[in-house]
């Protein structure tokens, strides 16, 4: 893709990142925290597609627990813009946020995302 097209597309896509002052809290990240709590450990290039859940067969994750469920169900890569590298970054961000992924039971790939 040319640099001009990339720049035009970047301007057309609204960024969903919250200003650092708007991150919900500065305490430990828990499953019940809003997904915005991951902004402290996640790049905008991974956060934006995650928050929008473009072309995914499930709704936008609203909490960190929703993201953990998507990780456990191996559903993260069904989001447009999240490939192997971004999925690895999301996994690392959850660990850096202090969440225990070892206890996450991996369900089959056919399982749907978080219940709404």
C-alpha atoms as a PDB file:
ATOM      1  CA  UNK A   1       0.000   0.000   0.000  1.00  0.00           C
ATOM      2  CA  UNK A   2       1.430   3.407  -0.870  1.00  0.00           C
ATOM      3  CA  UNK A   3       2.348   5.883   1.831  1.00  0.00           C
ATOM      4  CA  UNK A   4      -0.287   8.321   0.576  1.00  0.00           C
ATOM      5  CA  UNK A   5      -3.070   5.703   0.773  1.00  0.00           C
ATOM      6  CA  UNK A   6      -1.866   4.621   4.217  1.00  0.00           C
ATOM      7  CA  UNK A   7      -1.961   8.194   5.486  1.00  0.00           C
ATOM      8  CA  UNK A   8      -5.416   8.796   3.992  1.00  0.00           C
ATOM      9  CA  UNK A   9      -6.764   5.598   5.544  1.00  0.00           C
ATOM     10  CA  UNK A  10      -5.257   6.450   8.934  1.00  0.00           C
ATOM     11  CA  UNK A  11      -7.005   9.814   8.860  1.00  0.00           C
ATOM     12  CA  UNK A  12     -10.312   8.208   7.851  1.00  0.00           C
ATOM     13  CA  UNK A  13     -10.279   5.667  10.695  1.00  0.00           C
ATOM     14  CA  UNK A  14     -11.140   7.351  13.983  1.00  0.00           C
ATOM     15  CA  UNK A  15      -8.844   6.364  16.805  1.00  0.00           C
ATOM     16  CA  UNK A  16     -10.504   4.858  19.845  1.00  0.00           C
ATOM     17  CA  UNK A  17      -7.675   5.465  22.250  1.00  0.00           C
ATOM     18  CA  UNK A  18      -8.551   7.325  25.399  1.00  0.00           C
ATOM     19  CA  UNK A  19      -6.240  10.047  26.659  1.00  0.00           C
ATOM     20  CA  UNK A  20      -4.005   8.741  29.432  1.00  0.00           C
ATOM     21  CA  UNK A  21      -5.865  10.922  31.945  1.00  0.00           C
ATOM     22  CA  UNK A  22      -9.101   9.112  31.033  1.00  0.00           C
ATOM     23  CA  UNK A  23      -7.882   5.605  31.899  1.00  0.00           C
ATOM     24  CA  UNK A  24     -10.523   4.408  34.400  1.00  0.00           C
ATOM     25  CA  UNK A  25      -8.230   3.877  37.390  1.00  0.00           C
ATOM     26  CA  UNK A  26      -4.644   3.323  38.374  1.00  0.00           C
ATOM     27  CA  UNK A  27      -5.058   0.255  40.579  1.00  0.00           C
ATOM     28  CA  UNK A  28      -4.719  -3.403  39.685  1.00  0.00           C
ATOM     29  CA  UNK A  29      -6.426  -4.548  36.497  1.00  0.00           C
ATOM     30  CA  UNK A  30      -9.170  -7.105  37.120  1.00  0.00           C
ATOM     31  CA  UNK A  31     -11.625  -9.036  34.940  1.00  0.00           C
ATOM     32  CA  UNK A  32     -14.351  -6.518  35.771  1.00  0.00           C
ATOM     33  CA  UNK A  33     -12.307  -3.491  34.628  1.00  0.00           C
ATOM     34  CA  UNK A  34     -13.374  -1.748  31.411  1.00  0.00           C
ATOM     35  CA  UNK A  35     -11.309  -2.712  28.381  1.00  0.00           C
ATOM     36  CA  UNK A  36      -9.762   0.788  28.447  1.00  0.00           C
ATOM     37  CA  UNK A  37      -7.689  -0.340  31.451  1.00  0.00           C
ATOM     38  CA  UNK A  38      -5.503  -2.240  28.975  1.00  0.00           C
ATOM     39  CA  UNK A  39      -4.389   1.045  27.388  1.00  0.00           C
ATOM     40  CA  UNK A  40      -1.550   1.247  29.904  1.00  0.00           C
ATOM     41  CA  UNK A  41      -0.013  -2.007  28.605  1.00  0.00           C
ATOM     42  CA  UNK A  42      -1.253  -2.204  25.004  1.00  0.00           C
ATOM     43  CA  UNK A  43      -0.322  -0.307  21.848  1.00  0.00           C
ATOM     44  CA  UNK A  44      -2.945   1.703  19.996  1.00  0.00           C
ATOM     45  CA  UNK A  45      -2.432  -0.552  16.955  1.00  0.00           C
ATOM     46  CA  UNK A  46      -3.689  -3.504  18.984  1.00  0.00           C
ATOM     47  CA  UNK A  47      -6.205  -1.678  21.173  1.00  0.00           C
ATOM     48  CA  UNK A  48      -8.133   0.009  18.345  1.00  0.00           C
ATOM     49  CA  UNK A  49      -9.151  -3.138  16.414  1.00  0.00           C
ATOM     50  CA  UNK A  50      -9.828  -4.951  19.690  1.00  0.00           C
ATOM     51  CA  UNK A  51     -12.137  -2.197  20.942  1.00  0.00           C
ATOM     52  CA  UNK A  52     -14.030  -2.044  17.627  1.00  0.00           C
ATOM     53  CA  UNK A  53     -14.112  -5.823  17.002  1.00  0.00           C
ATOM     54  CA  UNK A  54     -14.396  -5.125  13.271  1.00  0.00           C
ATOM     55  CA  UNK A  55     -15.900  -7.963  11.214  1.00  0.00           C
ATOM     56  CA  UNK A  56     -15.947 -10.258  14.251  1.00  0.00           C
ATOM     57  CA  UNK A  57     -18.820 -12.723  14.827  1.00  0.00           C
ATOM     58  CA  UNK A  58     -19.268 -11.284  18.339  1.00  0.00           C
ATOM     59  CA  UNK A  59     -19.770  -7.893  19.952  1.00  0.00           C
ATOM     60  CA  UNK A  60     -17.139  -5.467  21.155  1.00  0.00           C
ATOM     61  CA  UNK A  61     -15.440  -6.536  24.373  1.00  0.00           C
ATOM     62  CA  UNK A  62     -16.500  -4.195  27.162  1.00  0.00           C
ATOM     63  CA  UNK A  63     -14.409  -5.565  30.027  1.00  0.00           C
ATOM     64  CA  UNK A  64     -10.989  -7.091  30.512  1.00  0.00           C
ATOM     65  CA  UNK A  65     -12.839 -10.312  31.344  1.00  0.00           C
ATOM     66  CA  UNK A  66     -14.409 -10.247  27.874  1.00  0.00           C
ATOM     67  CA  UNK A  67     -10.916  -9.981  26.356  1.00  0.00           C
ATOM     68  CA  UNK A  68      -9.711 -12.860  28.531  1.00  0.00           C
ATOM     69  CA  UNK A  69     -12.689 -14.951  27.395  1.00  0.00           C
ATOM     70  CA  UNK A  70     -11.911 -14.159  23.749  1.00  0.00           C
ATOM     71  CA  UNK A  71      -8.305 -15.187  24.390  1.00  0.00           C
ATOM     72  CA  UNK A  72      -9.399 -18.419  26.079  1.00  0.00           C
ATOM     73  CA  UNK A  73     -11.762 -19.248  23.189  1.00  0.00           C
ATOM     74  CA  UNK A  74      -9.084 -18.398  20.617  1.00  0.00           C
ATOM     75  CA  UNK A  75     -11.368 -15.790  19.104  1.00  0.00           C
ATOM     76  CA  UNK A  76      -9.011 -12.776  19.044  1.00  0.00           C
ATOM     77  CA  UNK A  77      -7.782 -13.515  15.521  1.00  0.00           C
ATOM     78  CA  UNK A  78     -11.340 -13.346  14.197  1.00  0.00           C
ATOM     79  CA  UNK A  79     -11.123  -9.571  14.645  1.00  0.00           C
ATOM     80  CA  UNK A  80     -10.000  -7.762  11.498  1.00  0.00           C
ATOM     81  CA  UNK A  81      -6.608  -6.209  12.184  1.00  0.00           C
ATOM     82  CA  UNK A  82      -5.513  -8.757  14.772  1.00  0.00           C
ATOM     83  CA  UNK A  83      -3.132 -11.301  13.348  1.00  0.00           C
ATOM     84  CA  UNK A  84      -0.584 -13.494  15.090  1.00  0.00           C
ATOM     85  CA  UNK A  85       1.630 -10.580  16.184  1.00  0.00           C
ATOM     86  CA  UNK A  86      -1.236  -8.512  17.652  1.00  0.00           C
ATOM     87  CA  UNK A  87      -2.732 -11.593  19.334  1.00  0.00           C
ATOM     88  CA  UNK A  88       0.651 -12.240  20.977  1.00  0.00           C
ATOM     89  CA  UNK A  89       0.812  -8.610  22.073  1.00  0.00           C
ATOM     90  CA  UNK A  90      -2.677  -8.900  23.596  1.00  0.00           C
ATOM     91  CA  UNK A  91      -1.642 -12.042  25.464  1.00  0.00           C
ATOM     92  CA  UNK A  92       1.486 -10.313  26.779  1.00  0.00           C
ATOM     93  CA  UNK A  93      -0.548  -7.231  27.765  1.00  0.00           C
ATOM     94  CA  UNK A  94      -2.917  -9.355  29.839  1.00  0.00           C
ATOM     95  CA  UNK A  95       0.055 -10.908  31.637  1.00  0.00           C
ATOM     96  CA  UNK A  96       1.741  -7.503  32.114  1.00  0.00           C
ATOM     97  CA  UNK A  97      -1.513  -6.190  33.564  1.00  0.00           C
ATOM     98  CA  UNK A  98      -1.106  -8.832  36.262  1.00  0.00           C
ATOM     99  CA  UNK A  99      -3.778 -11.241  35.060  1.00  0.00           C
ATOM    100  CA  UNK A 100      -3.281 -14.991  35.378  1.00  0.00           C
ATOM    101  CA  UNK A 101      -3.824 -16.647  32.005  1.00  0.00           C
ATOM    102  CA  UNK A 102      -2.602 -20.031  33.243  1.00  0.00           C
ATOM    103  CA  UNK A 103      -6.012 -20.606  34.839  1.00  0.00           C
ATOM    104  CA  UNK A 104      -7.817 -19.825  31.605  1.00  0.00           C
ATOM    105  CA  UNK A 105      -9.285 -23.028  30.260  1.00  0.00           C
ATOM    106  CA  UNK A 106      -8.889 -23.066  26.498  1.00  0.00           C
ATOM    107  CA  UNK A 107     -12.195 -23.898  24.890  1.00  0.00           C
ATOM    108  CA  UNK A 108     -12.691 -25.156  21.383  1.00  0.00           C
ATOM    109  CA  UNK A 109     -12.255 -22.720  18.505  1.00  0.00           C
ATOM    110  CA  UNK A 110     -15.929 -23.140  17.617  1.00  0.00           C
ATOM    111  CA  UNK A 111     -17.087 -21.642  20.902  1.00  0.00           C
ATOM    112  CA  UNK A 112     -18.631 -18.191  20.589  1.00  0.00           C
ATOM    113  CA  UNK A 113     -17.166 -15.105  22.249  1.00  0.00           C
ATOM    114  CA  UNK A 114     -18.309 -13.521  25.498  1.00  0.00           C
ATOM    115  CA  UNK A 115     -21.982 -13.768  26.322  1.00  0.00           C
ATOM    116  CA  UNK A 116     -23.906 -10.515  26.249  1.00  0.00           C
END
